[in-house]
Amino acid sequence: MYESITRYIDAFDDWESTEEPGRVISEFLGDLERVADHHYTDTLERFGLEWSAGSMSGANLTDAPAELAVALLTAAYRADHFSNGILENEFIPNGLVSRCLRRLRELDPKKGR
């Protein structure tokens, strides 16, 4: 279910070496749009998080449901709309995007576990 976005894990894990980061982000956001949580602020609130860089970056995803990981990714995407560059300069380098994607891969029923 989430293969379309979890395929970016390697690129985000090794962000400093990623070639054409703008293209990677653009393609990732296009793929994220297909699974995005358009009620992400409500979802974040249900899990005790705020729509802020600090709160989102500190989210514990160890036992988190897919719903939270998707909401965090969507919120990071939307935050970039209001604070241009925060996705590329904060949420990718600090590992939030990779952590969300790895959690989705763990939970994905199609991964063949």
PDB file of N, CA and C in Angstrom:
ATOM      1  N   MET A   1       0.806  -1.206   0.000  1.00  0.00           N
ATOM      2  CA  MET A   1       0.000   0.000   0.000  1.00  0.00           C
ATOM      3  C   MET A   1       0.852   1.276   0.000  1.00  0.00           C
ATOM      4  N   TYR A   2       2.012   1.200   0.639  1.00  0.00           N
ATOM      5  CA  TYR A   2       2.840   2.403   0.756  1.00  0.00           C
ATOM      6  C   TYR A   2       4.119   2.344  -0.064  1.00  0.00           C
ATOM      7  N   GLU A   3       4.266   1.335  -0.924  1.00  0.00           N
ATOM      8  CA  GLU A   3       5.499   1.192  -1.705  1.00  0.00           C
ATOM      9  C   GLU A   3       5.823   2.433  -2.518  1.00  0.00           C
ATOM     10  N   SER A   4       4.794   3.132  -2.960  1.00  0.00           N
ATOM     11  CA  SER A   4       5.023   4.313  -3.802  1.00  0.00           C
ATOM     12  C   SER A   4       5.811   5.397  -3.067  1.00  0.00           C
ATOM     13  N   ILE A   5       5.744   5.413  -1.726  1.00  0.00           N
ATOM     14  CA  ILE A   5       6.524   6.413  -0.989  1.00  0.00           C
ATOM     15  C   ILE A   5       7.690   5.796  -0.224  1.00  0.00           C
ATOM     16  N   THR A   6       7.569   4.539   0.210  1.00  0.00           N
ATOM     17  CA  THR A   6       8.685   3.942   0.958  1.00  0.00           C
ATOM     18  C   THR A   6       9.894   3.700   0.061  1.00  0.00           C
ATOM     19  N   ARG A   7       9.701   3.732  -1.227  1.00  0.00           N
ATOM     20  CA  ARG A   7      10.832   3.544  -2.144  1.00  0.00           C
ATOM     21  C   ARG A   7      11.842   4.699  -2.068  1.00  0.00           C
ATOM     22  N   TYR A   8      11.485   5.772  -1.387  1.00  0.00           N
ATOM     23  CA  TYR A   8      12.377   6.928  -1.238  1.00  0.00           C
ATOM     24  C   TYR A   8      13.266   6.849   0.009  1.00  0.00           C
ATOM     25  N   ILE A   9      13.141   5.796   0.791  1.00  0.00           N
ATOM     26  CA  ILE A   9      13.901   5.699   2.040  1.00  0.00           C
ATOM     27  C   ILE A   9      15.395   5.894   1.813  1.00  0.00           C
ATOM     28  N   ASP A  10      15.965   5.185   0.866  1.00  0.00           N
ATOM     29  CA  ASP A  10      17.413   5.291   0.631  1.00  0.00           C
ATOM     30  C   ASP A  10      17.836   6.713   0.278  1.00  0.00           C
ATOM     31  N   ALA A  11      17.056   7.371  -0.552  1.00  0.00           N
ATOM     32  CA  ALA A  11      17.396   8.749  -0.945  1.00  0.00           C
ATOM     33  C   ALA A  11      17.377   9.681   0.263  1.00  0.00           C
ATOM     34  N   PHE A  12      16.379   9.522   1.142  1.00  0.00           N
ATOM     35  CA  PHE A  12      16.284  10.408   2.300  1.00  0.00           C
ATOM     36  C   PHE A  12      17.273  10.028   3.392  1.00  0.00           C
ATOM     37  N   ASP A  13      17.600   8.739   3.514  1.00  0.00           N
ATOM     38  CA  ASP A  13      18.605   8.313   4.495  1.00  0.00           C
ATOM     39  C   ASP A  13      19.985   8.850   4.143  1.00  0.00           C
ATOM     40  N   ASP A  14      20.274   8.958   2.860  1.00  0.00           N
ATOM     41  CA  ASP A  14      21.586   9.424   2.394  1.00  0.00           C
ATOM     42  C   ASP A  14      21.419  10.765   1.679  1.00  0.00           C
ATOM     43  N   TRP A  15      20.694  11.670   2.316  1.00  0.00           N
ATOM     44  CA  TRP A  15      20.274  12.922   1.700  1.00  0.00           C
ATOM     45  C   TRP A  15      21.429  13.761   1.179  1.00  0.00           C
ATOM     46  N   GLU A  16      22.527  13.806   1.915  1.00  0.00           N
ATOM     47  CA  GLU A  16      23.670  14.633   1.502  1.00  0.00           C
ATOM     48  C   GLU A  16      24.249  14.184   0.165  1.00  0.00           C
ATOM     49  N   SER A  17      24.084  12.907  -0.170  1.00  0.00           N
ATOM     50  CA  SER A  17      24.639  12.367  -1.418  1.00  0.00           C
ATOM     51  C   SER A  17      23.601  12.227  -2.527  1.00  0.00           C
ATOM     52  N   THR A  18      22.356  12.564  -2.230  1.00  0.00           N
ATOM     53  CA  THR A  18      21.288  12.401  -3.211  1.00  0.00           C
ATOM     54  C   THR A  18      21.490  13.357  -4.381  1.00  0.00           C
ATOM     55  N   GLU A  19      21.495  12.778  -5.574  1.00  0.00           N
ATOM     56  CA  GLU A  19      21.609  13.595  -6.781  1.00  0.00           C
ATOM     57  C   GLU A  19      20.240  14.173  -7.119  1.00  0.00           C
ATOM     58  N   GLU A  20      20.214  15.379  -7.584  1.00  0.00           N
ATOM     59  CA  GLU A  20      18.982  16.073  -7.965  1.00  0.00           C
ATOM     60  C   GLU A  20      17.932  16.049  -6.843  1.00  0.00           C
ATOM     61  N   PRO A  21      18.263  16.607  -5.671  1.00  0.00           N
ATOM     62  CA  PRO A  21      17.320  16.576  -4.554  1.00  0.00           C
ATOM     63  C   PRO A  21      15.976  17.223  -4.863  1.00  0.00           C
ATOM     64  N   GLY A  22      15.974  18.271  -5.664  1.00  0.00           N
ATOM     65  CA  GLY A  22      14.711  18.916  -6.026  1.00  0.00           C
ATOM     66  C   GLY A  22      13.788  17.978  -6.778  1.00  0.00           C
ATOM     67  N   ARG A  23      14.350  17.201  -7.691  1.00  0.00           N
ATOM     68  CA  ARG A  23      13.562  16.231  -8.450  1.00  0.00           C
ATOM     69  C   ARG A  23      13.036  15.133  -7.524  1.00  0.00           C
ATOM     70  N   VAL A  24      13.888  14.657  -6.614  1.00  0.00           N
ATOM     71  CA  VAL A  24      13.482  13.602  -5.679  1.00  0.00           C
ATOM     72  C   VAL A  24      12.320  14.086  -4.814  1.00  0.00           C
ATOM     73  N   ILE A  25      12.436  15.292  -4.277  1.00  0.00           N
ATOM     74  CA  ILE A  25      11.361  15.837  -3.444  1.00  0.00           C
ATOM     75  C   ILE A  25      10.085  15.999  -4.253  1.00  0.00           C
ATOM     76  N   SER A  26      10.194  16.531  -5.443  1.00  0.00           N
ATOM     77  CA  SER A  26       9.019  16.732  -6.288  1.00  0.00           C
ATOM     78  C   SER A  26       8.306  15.412  -6.575  1.00  0.00           C
ATOM     79  N   GLU A  27       9.065  14.391  -6.929  1.00  0.00           N
ATOM     80  CA  GLU A  27       8.467  13.082  -7.206  1.00  0.00           C
ATOM     81  C   GLU A  27       7.868  12.473  -5.941  1.00  0.00           C
ATOM     82  N   PHE A  28       8.579  12.600  -4.819  1.00  0.00           N
ATOM     83  CA  PHE A  28       8.077  12.081  -3.550  1.00  0.00           C
ATOM     84  C   PHE A  28       6.751  12.744  -3.179  1.00  0.00           C
ATOM     85  N   LEU A  29       6.685  14.055  -3.298  1.00  0.00           N
ATOM     86  CA  LEU A  29       5.458  14.768  -2.939  1.00  0.00           C
ATOM     87  C   LEU A  29       4.301  14.380  -3.849  1.00  0.00           C
ATOM     88  N   GLY A  30       4.585  14.142  -5.118  1.00  0.00           N
ATOM     89  CA  GLY A  30       3.543  13.668  -6.024  1.00  0.00           C
ATOM     90  C   GLY A  30       3.009  12.316  -5.597  1.00  0.00           C
ATOM     91  N   ASP A  31       3.904  11.430  -5.180  1.00  0.00           N
ATOM     92  CA  ASP A  31       3.487  10.105  -4.713  1.00  0.00           C
ATOM     93  C   ASP A  31       2.792  10.187  -3.356  1.00  0.00           C
ATOM     94  N   LEU A  32       3.268  11.069  -2.486  1.00  0.00           N
ATOM     95  CA  LEU A  32       2.644  11.244  -1.173  1.00  0.00           C
ATOM     96  C   LEU A  32       1.206  11.717  -1.312  1.00  0.00           C
ATOM     97  N   GLU A  33       0.948  12.529  -2.298  1.00  0.00           N
ATOM     98  CA  GLU A  33      -0.401  13.076  -2.512  1.00  0.00           C
ATOM     99  C   GLU A  33      -1.444  11.958  -2.622  1.00  0.00           C
ATOM    100  N   ARG A  34      -1.047  10.804  -3.131  1.00  0.00           N
ATOM    101  CA  ARG A  34      -1.990   9.679  -3.309  1.00  0.00           C
ATOM    102  C   ARG A  34      -2.428   9.056  -1.989  1.00  0.00           C
ATOM    103  N   VAL A  35      -1.605   9.196  -0.940  1.00  0.00           N
ATOM    104  CA  VAL A  35      -1.939   8.573   0.344  1.00  0.00           C
ATOM    105  C   VAL A  35      -2.078   9.603   1.467  1.00  0.00           C
ATOM    106  N   ALA A  36      -1.976  10.873   1.133  1.00  0.00           N
ATOM    107  CA  ALA A  36      -1.949  11.950   2.129  1.00  0.00           C
ATOM    108  C   ALA A  36      -3.175  11.948   3.038  1.00  0.00           C
ATOM    109  N   ASP A  37      -2.957  12.430   4.256  1.00  0.00           N
ATOM    110  CA  ASP A  37      -4.019  12.603   5.245  1.00  0.00           C
ATOM    111  C   ASP A  37      -4.424  14.076   5.207  1.00  0.00           C
ATOM    112  N   HIS A  38      -5.561  14.356   4.613  1.00  0.00           N
ATOM    113  CA  HIS A  38      -5.986  15.747   4.460  1.00  0.00           C
ATOM    114  C   HIS A  38      -6.596  16.326   5.733  1.00  0.00           C
ATOM    115  N   HIS A  39      -6.634  15.508   6.780  1.00  0.00           N
ATOM    116  CA  HIS A  39      -7.074  15.964   8.103  1.00  0.00           C
ATOM    117  C   HIS A  39      -5.921  15.783   9.089  1.00  0.00           C
ATOM    118  N   TYR A  40      -4.710  16.035   8.597  1.00  0.00           N
ATOM    119  CA  TYR A  40      -3.494  15.765   9.373  1.00  0.00           C
ATOM    120  C   TYR A  40      -3.447  16.493  10.705  1.00  0.00           C
ATOM    121  N   THR A  41      -3.976  17.717  10.795  1.00  0.00           N
ATOM    122  CA  THR A  41      -3.922  18.431  12.079  1.00  0.00           C
ATOM    123  C   THR A  41      -4.775  17.713  13.118  1.00  0.00           C
ATOM    124  N   ASP A  42      -5.943  17.223  12.715  1.00  0.00           N
ATOM    125  CA  ASP A  42      -6.793  16.457  13.631  1.00  0.00           C
ATOM    126  C   ASP A  42      -6.093  15.171  14.064  1.00  0.00           C
ATOM    127  N   THR A  43      -5.449  14.511  13.123  1.00  0.00           N
ATOM    128  CA  THR A  43      -4.745  13.264  13.434  1.00  0.00           C
ATOM    129  C   THR A  43      -3.599  13.531  14.398  1.00  0.00           C
ATOM    130  N   LEU A  44      -2.814  14.561  14.136  1.00  0.00           N
ATOM    131  CA  LEU A  44      -1.715  14.895  15.042  1.00  0.00           C
ATOM    132  C   LEU A  44      -2.241  15.162  16.448  1.00  0.00           C
ATOM    133  N   GLU A  45      -3.321  15.919  16.556  1.00  0.00           N
ATOM    134  CA  GLU A  45      -3.908  16.230  17.862  1.00  0.00           C
ATOM    135  C   GLU A  45      -4.347  14.968  18.588  1.00  0.00           C
ATOM    136  N   ARG A  46      -4.946  14.021  17.871  1.00  0.00           N
ATOM    137  CA  ARG A  46      -5.393  12.768  18.494  1.00  0.00           C
ATOM    138  C   ARG A  46      -4.231  11.995  19.110  1.00  0.00           C
ATOM    139  N   PHE A  47      -3.044  12.185  18.559  1.00  0.00           N
ATOM    140  CA  PHE A  47      -1.862  11.495  19.068  1.00  0.00           C
ATOM    141  C   PHE A  47      -1.012  12.396  19.971  1.00  0.00           C
ATOM    142  N   GLY A  48      -1.587  13.528  20.383  1.00  0.00           N
ATOM    143  CA  GLY A  48      -0.914  14.409  21.327  1.00  0.00           C
ATOM    144  C   GLY A  48       0.204  15.249  20.740  1.00  0.00           C
ATOM    145  N   LEU A  49       0.168  15.466  19.436  1.00  0.00           N
ATOM    146  CA  LEU A  49       1.205  16.247  18.767  1.00  0.00           C
ATOM    147  C   LEU A  49       0.641  17.560  18.246  1.00  0.00           C
ATOM    148  N   GLU A  50       1.522  18.527  18.121  1.00  0.00           N
ATOM    149  CA  GLU A  50       1.159  19.812  17.536  1.00  0.00           C
ATOM    150  C   GLU A  50       1.721  19.890  16.129  1.00  0.00           C
ATOM    151  N   TRP A  51       1.150  20.789  15.337  1.00  0.00           N
ATOM    152  CA  TRP A  51       1.675  21.024  13.994  1.00  0.00           C
ATOM    153  C   TRP A  51       2.808  22.032  14.114  1.00  0.00           C
ATOM    154  N   SER A  52       3.923  21.564  14.664  1.00  0.00           N
ATOM    155  CA  SER A  52       5.121  22.390  14.818  1.00  0.00           C
ATOM    156  C   SER A  52       6.330  21.502  14.557  1.00  0.00           C
ATOM    157  N   ALA A  53       7.407  22.111  14.121  1.00  0.00           N
ATOM    158  CA  ALA A  53       8.612  21.343  13.789  1.00  0.00           C
ATOM    159  C   ALA A  53       9.109  20.552  14.994  1.00  0.00           C
ATOM    160  N   GLY A  54       9.131  21.167  16.160  1.00  0.00           N
ATOM    161  CA  GLY A  54       9.626  20.485  17.354  1.00  0.00           C
ATOM    162  C   GLY A  54       8.777  19.300  17.756  1.00  0.00           C
ATOM    163  N   SER A  55       7.481  19.491  17.798  1.00  0.00           N
ATOM    164  CA  SER A  55       6.569  18.417  18.177  1.00  0.00           C
ATOM    165  C   SER A  55       6.615  17.276  17.172  1.00  0.00           C
ATOM    166  N   MET A  56       6.553  17.605  15.905  1.00  0.00           N
ATOM    167  CA  MET A  56       6.552  16.573  14.863  1.00  0.00           C
ATOM    168  C   MET A  56       7.879  15.823  14.829  1.00  0.00           C
ATOM    169  N   SER A  57       8.985  16.539  14.928  1.00  0.00           N
ATOM    170  CA  SER A  57      10.305  15.906  14.856  1.00  0.00           C
ATOM    171  C   SER A  57      10.554  14.980  16.037  1.00  0.00           C
ATOM    172  N   GLY A  58       9.926  15.267  17.170  1.00  0.00           N
ATOM    173  CA  GLY A  58      10.102  14.443  18.360  1.00  0.00           C
ATOM    174  C   GLY A  58       9.123  13.292  18.478  1.00  0.00           C
ATOM    175  N   ALA A  59       8.283  13.102  17.488  1.00  0.00           N
ATOM    176  CA  ALA A  59       7.265  12.047  17.547  1.00  0.00           C
ATOM    177  C   ALA A  59       7.902  10.665  17.668  1.00  0.00           C
ATOM    178  N   ASN A  60       7.353   9.862  18.577  1.00  0.00           N
ATOM    179  CA  ASN A  60       7.805   8.485  18.753  1.00  0.00           C
ATOM    180  C   ASN A  60       6.996   7.600  17.812  1.00  0.00           C
ATOM    181  N   LEU A  61       7.679   6.990  16.873  1.00  0.00           N
ATOM    182  CA  LEU A  61       6.999   6.159  15.876  1.00  0.00           C
ATOM    183  C   LEU A  61       7.172   4.665  16.124  1.00  0.00           C
ATOM    184  N   THR A  62       7.767   4.297  17.252  1.00  0.00           N
ATOM    185  CA  THR A  62       8.070   2.894  17.532  1.00  0.00           C
ATOM    186  C   THR A  62       6.858   1.987  17.358  1.00  0.00           C
ATOM    187  N   ASP A  63       5.756   2.326  17.973  1.00  0.00           N
ATOM    188  CA  ASP A  63       4.537   1.517  17.868  1.00  0.00           C
ATOM    189  C   ASP A  63       3.412   2.279  17.185  1.00  0.00           C
ATOM    190  N   ALA A  64       3.761   3.295  16.448  1.00  0.00           N
ATOM    191  CA  ALA A  64       2.759   4.173  15.829  1.00  0.00           C
ATOM    192  C   ALA A  64       2.022   3.473  14.695  1.00  0.00           C
ATOM    193  N   PRO A  65       0.737   3.780  14.561  1.00  0.00           N
ATOM    194  CA  PRO A  65      -0.012   3.255  13.417  1.00  0.00           C
ATOM    195  C   PRO A  65       0.362   4.017  12.142  1.00  0.00           C
ATOM    196  N   ALA A  66       0.043   3.428  11.026  1.00  0.00           N
ATOM    197  CA  ALA A  66       0.308   4.056   9.726  1.00  0.00           C
ATOM    198  C   ALA A  66      -0.348   5.431   9.649  1.00  0.00           C
ATOM    199  N   GLU A  67      -1.509   5.553  10.247  1.00  0.00           N
ATOM    200  CA  GLU A  67      -2.244   6.820  10.229  1.00  0.00           C
ATOM    201  C   GLU A  67      -1.384   7.978  10.735  1.00  0.00           C
ATOM    202  N   LEU A  68      -0.622   7.749  11.804  1.00  0.00           N
ATOM    203  CA  LEU A  68       0.219   8.817  12.345  1.00  0.00           C
ATOM    204  C   LEU A  68       1.400   9.106  11.429  1.00  0.00           C
ATOM    205  N   ALA A  69       2.039   8.078  10.910  1.00  0.00           N
ATOM    206  CA  ALA A  69       3.183   8.284  10.013  1.00  0.00           C
ATOM    207  C   ALA A  69       2.766   9.076   8.777  1.00  0.00           C
ATOM    208  N   VAL A  70       1.615   8.741   8.220  1.00  0.00           N
ATOM    209  CA  VAL A  70       1.119   9.454   7.036  1.00  0.00           C
ATOM    210  C   VAL A  70       0.764  10.898   7.402  1.00  0.00           C
ATOM    211  N   ALA A  71       0.150  11.097   8.564  1.00  0.00           N
ATOM    212  CA  ALA A  71      -0.196  12.456   8.991  1.00  0.00           C
ATOM    213  C   ALA A  71       1.058  13.307   9.172  1.00  0.00           C
ATOM    214  N   LEU A  72       2.108  12.727   9.738  1.00  0.00           N
ATOM    215  CA  LEU A  72       3.363  13.469   9.915  1.00  0.00           C
ATOM    216  C   LEU A  72       3.983  13.841   8.575  1.00  0.00           C
ATOM    217  N   LEU A  73       3.979  12.916   7.638  1.00  0.00           N
ATOM    218  CA  LEU A  73       4.516  13.216   6.306  1.00  0.00           C
ATOM    219  C   LEU A  73       3.707  14.311   5.621  1.00  0.00           C
ATOM    220  N   THR A  74       2.388  14.217   5.734  1.00  0.00           N
ATOM    221  CA  THR A  74       1.521  15.226   5.122  1.00  0.00           C
ATOM    222  C   THR A  74       1.736  16.584   5.781  1.00  0.00           C
ATOM    223  N   ALA A  75       1.836  16.588   7.106  1.00  0.00           N
ATOM    224  CA  ALA A  75       2.051  17.839   7.835  1.00  0.00           C
ATOM    225  C   ALA A  75       3.393  18.467   7.460  1.00  0.00           C
ATOM    226  N   ALA A  76       4.420  17.641   7.277  1.00  0.00           N
ATOM    227  CA  ALA A  76       5.730  18.162   6.864  1.00  0.00           C
ATOM    228  C   ALA A  76       5.640  18.785   5.474  1.00  0.00           C
ATOM    229  N   TYR A  77       4.913  18.134   4.600  1.00  0.00           N
ATOM    230  CA  TYR A  77       4.695  18.647   3.240  1.00  0.00           C
ATOM    231  C   TYR A  77       3.972  19.992   3.292  1.00  0.00           C
ATOM    232  N   ARG A  78       2.909  20.063   4.082  1.00  0.00           N
ATOM    233  CA  ARG A  78       2.140  21.300   4.186  1.00  0.00           C
ATOM    234  C   ARG A  78       2.952  22.403   4.872  1.00  0.00           C
ATOM    235  N   ALA A  79       3.760  22.039   5.858  1.00  0.00           N
ATOM    236  CA  ALA A  79       4.606  23.028   6.532  1.00  0.00           C
ATOM    237  C   ALA A  79       5.550  23.679   5.532  1.00  0.00           C
ATOM    238  N   ASP A  80       6.019  22.887   4.574  1.00  0.00           N
ATOM    239  CA  ASP A  80       6.925  23.426   3.566  1.00  0.00           C
ATOM    240  C   ASP A  80       6.225  24.461   2.691  1.00  0.00           C
ATOM    241  N   HIS A  81       4.925  24.328   2.539  1.00  0.00           N
ATOM    242  CA  HIS A  81       4.158  25.311   1.770  1.00  0.00           C
ATOM    243  C   HIS A  81       4.203  26.681   2.461  1.00  0.00           C
ATOM    244  N   PHE A  82       4.150  26.659   3.791  1.00  0.00           N
ATOM    245  CA  PHE A  82       4.124  27.908   4.549  1.00  0.00           C
ATOM    246  C   PHE A  82       5.517  28.390   4.950  1.00  0.00           C
ATOM    247  N   SER A  83       6.456  27.473   5.043  1.00  0.00           N
ATOM    248  CA  SER A  83       7.835  27.802   5.413  1.00  0.00           C
ATOM    249  C   SER A  83       8.745  27.112   4.407  1.00  0.00           C
ATOM    250  N   ASN A  84       8.877  27.731   3.250  1.00  0.00           N
ATOM    251  CA  ASN A  84       9.597  27.138   2.127  1.00  0.00           C
ATOM    252  C   ASN A  84      10.983  26.649   2.537  1.00  0.00           C
ATOM    253  N   GLY A  85      11.249  25.381   2.284  1.00  0.00           N
ATOM    254  CA  GLY A  85      12.549  24.800   2.573  1.00  0.00           C
ATOM    255  C   GLY A  85      12.613  23.984   3.842  1.00  0.00           C
ATOM    256  N   ILE A  86      11.560  24.028   4.677  1.00  0.00           N
ATOM    257  CA  ILE A  86      11.619  23.300   5.949  1.00  0.00           C
ATOM    258  C   ILE A  86      11.668  21.786   5.729  1.00  0.00           C
ATOM    259  N   LEU A  87      11.055  21.303   4.681  1.00  0.00           N
ATOM    260  CA  LEU A  87      11.108  19.869   4.389  1.00  0.00           C
ATOM    261  C   LEU A  87      12.544  19.461   4.074  1.00  0.00           C
ATOM    262  N   GLU A  88      13.154  20.161   3.140  1.00  0.00           N
ATOM    263  CA  GLU A  88      14.509  19.836   2.688  1.00  0.00           C
ATOM    264  C   GLU A  88      15.584  20.172   3.724  1.00  0.00           C
ATOM    265  N   ASN A  89      15.362  21.219   4.503  1.00  0.00           N
ATOM    266  CA  ASN A  89      16.399  21.676   5.429  1.00  0.00           C
ATOM    267  C   ASN A  89      16.211  21.237   6.873  1.00  0.00           C
ATOM    268  N   GLU A  90      15.047  20.698   7.211  1.00  0.00           N
ATOM    269  CA  GLU A  90      14.832  20.242   8.588  1.00  0.00           C
ATOM    270  C   GLU A  90      14.280  18.830   8.648  1.00  0.00           C
ATOM    271  N   PHE A  91      13.111  18.599   8.071  1.00  0.00           N
ATOM    272  CA  PHE A  91      12.450  17.306   8.252  1.00  0.00           C
ATOM    273  C   PHE A  91      13.158  16.139   7.566  1.00  0.00           C
ATOM    274  N   ILE A  92      13.847  16.389   6.478  1.00  0.00           N
ATOM    275  CA  ILE A  92      14.628  15.310   5.851  1.00  0.00           C
ATOM    276  C   ILE A  92      15.940  15.117   6.614  1.00  0.00           C
ATOM    277  N   PRO A  93      16.737  16.171   6.835  1.00  0.00           N
ATOM    278  CA  PRO A  93      18.006  15.972   7.546  1.00  0.00           C
ATOM    279  C   PRO A  93      17.859  15.448   8.981  1.00  0.00           C
ATOM    280  N   ASN A  94      16.793  15.842   9.693  1.00  0.00           N
ATOM    281  CA  ASN A  94      16.665  15.378  11.078  1.00  0.00           C
ATOM    282  C   ASN A  94      16.088  13.967  11.175  1.00  0.00           C
ATOM    283  N   GLY A  95      15.760  13.366  10.040  1.00  0.00           N
ATOM    284  CA  GLY A  95      15.337  11.973  10.019  1.00  0.00           C
ATOM    285  C   GLY A  95      13.846  11.726  10.128  1.00  0.00           C
ATOM    286  N   LEU A  96      13.036  12.759  10.303  1.00  0.00           N
ATOM    287  CA  LEU A  96      11.597  12.542  10.448  1.00  0.00           C
ATOM    288  C   LEU A  96      11.015  11.817   9.241  1.00  0.00           C
ATOM    289  N   VAL A  97      11.332  12.275   8.056  1.00  0.00           N
ATOM    290  CA  VAL A  97      10.765  11.671   6.845  1.00  0.00           C
ATOM    291  C   VAL A  97      11.177  10.206   6.745  1.00  0.00           C
ATOM    292  N   SER A  98      12.446   9.904   6.958  1.00  0.00           N
ATOM    293  CA  SER A  98      12.914   8.514   6.889  1.00  0.00           C
ATOM    294  C   SER A  98      12.259   7.644   7.953  1.00  0.00           C
ATOM    295  N   ARG A  99      12.124   8.161   9.174  1.00  0.00           N
ATOM    296  CA  ARG A  99      11.487   7.383  10.248  1.00  0.00           C
ATOM    297  C   ARG A  99      10.041   7.055   9.903  1.00  0.00           C
ATOM    298  N   CYS A 100       9.321   8.023   9.364  1.00  0.00           N
ATOM    299  CA  CYS A 100       7.930   7.779   8.962  1.00  0.00           C
ATOM    300  C   CYS A 100       7.863   6.731   7.859  1.00  0.00           C
ATOM    301  N   LEU A 101       8.734   6.858   6.885  1.00  0.00           N
ATOM    302  CA  LEU A 101       8.725   5.914   5.766  1.00  0.00           C
ATOM    303  C   LEU A 101       9.110   4.509   6.218  1.00  0.00           C
ATOM    304  N   ARG A 102      10.098   4.393   7.105  1.00  0.00           N
ATOM    305  CA  ARG A 102      10.475   3.069   7.610  1.00  0.00           C
ATOM    306  C   ARG A 102       9.335   2.442   8.402  1.00  0.00           C
ATOM    307  N   ARG A 103       8.634   3.258   9.186  1.00  0.00           N
ATOM    308  CA  ARG A 103       7.490   2.732   9.950  1.00  0.00           C
ATOM    309  C   ARG A 103       6.402   2.249   8.997  1.00  0.00           C
ATOM    310  N   LEU A 104       6.138   2.978   7.949  1.00  0.00           N
ATOM    311  CA  LEU A 104       5.136   2.547   6.972  1.00  0.00           C
ATOM    312  C   LEU A 104       5.558   1.251   6.292  1.00  0.00           C
ATOM    313  N   ARG A 105       6.830   1.108   6.008  1.00  0.00           N
ATOM    314  CA  ARG A 105       7.309  -0.134   5.395  1.00  0.00           C
ATOM    315  C   ARG A 105       7.115  -1.308   6.358  1.00  0.00           C
ATOM    316  N   GLU A 106       7.367  -1.087   7.652  1.00  0.00           N
ATOM    317  CA  GLU A 106       7.152  -2.134   8.655  1.00  0.00           C
ATOM    318  C   GLU A 106       5.695  -2.575   8.703  1.00  0.00           C
ATOM    319  N   LEU A 107       4.797  -1.624   8.558  1.00  0.00           N
ATOM    320  CA  LEU A 107       3.365  -1.896   8.683  1.00  0.00           C
ATOM    321  C   LEU A 107       2.702  -2.347   7.389  1.00  0.00           C
ATOM    322  N   ASP A 108       3.389  -2.205   6.284  1.00  0.00           N
ATOM    323  CA  ASP A 108       2.788  -2.475   4.977  1.00  0.00           C
ATOM    324  C   ASP A 108       2.521  -3.966   4.800  1.00  0.00           C
ATOM    325  N   PRO A 109       1.256  -4.346   4.652  1.00  0.00           N
ATOM    326  CA  PRO A 109       0.926  -5.767   4.490  1.00  0.00           C
ATOM    327  C   PRO A 109       1.473  -6.368   3.197  1.00  0.00           C
ATOM    328  N   LYS A 110       1.802  -5.549   2.231  1.00  0.00           N
ATOM    329  CA  LYS A 110       2.301  -6.052   0.946  1.00  0.00           C
ATOM    330  C   LYS A 110       3.798  -6.326   0.960  1.00  0.00           C
ATOM    331  N   LYS A 111       4.464  -6.011   2.061  1.00  0.00           N
ATOM    332  CA  LYS A 111       5.913  -6.183   2.069  1.00  0.00           C
ATOM    333  C   LYS A 111       6.332  -7.634   2.220  1.00  0.00           C
ATOM    334  N   GLY A 112       5.369  -8.514   2.476  1.00  0.00           N
ATOM    335  CA  GLY A 112       5.646  -9.935   2.496  1.00  0.00           C
ATOM    336  C   GLY A 112       6.242 -10.463   3.774  1.00  0.00           C
ATOM    337  N   ARG A 113       5.773  -9.955   4.894  1.00  0.00           N
ATOM    338  CA  ARG A 113       6.319 -10.493   6.132  1.00  0.00           C
ATOM    339  C   ARG A 113       5.584 -11.710   6.592  1.00  0.00           C
TER     340      ARG A 113
END
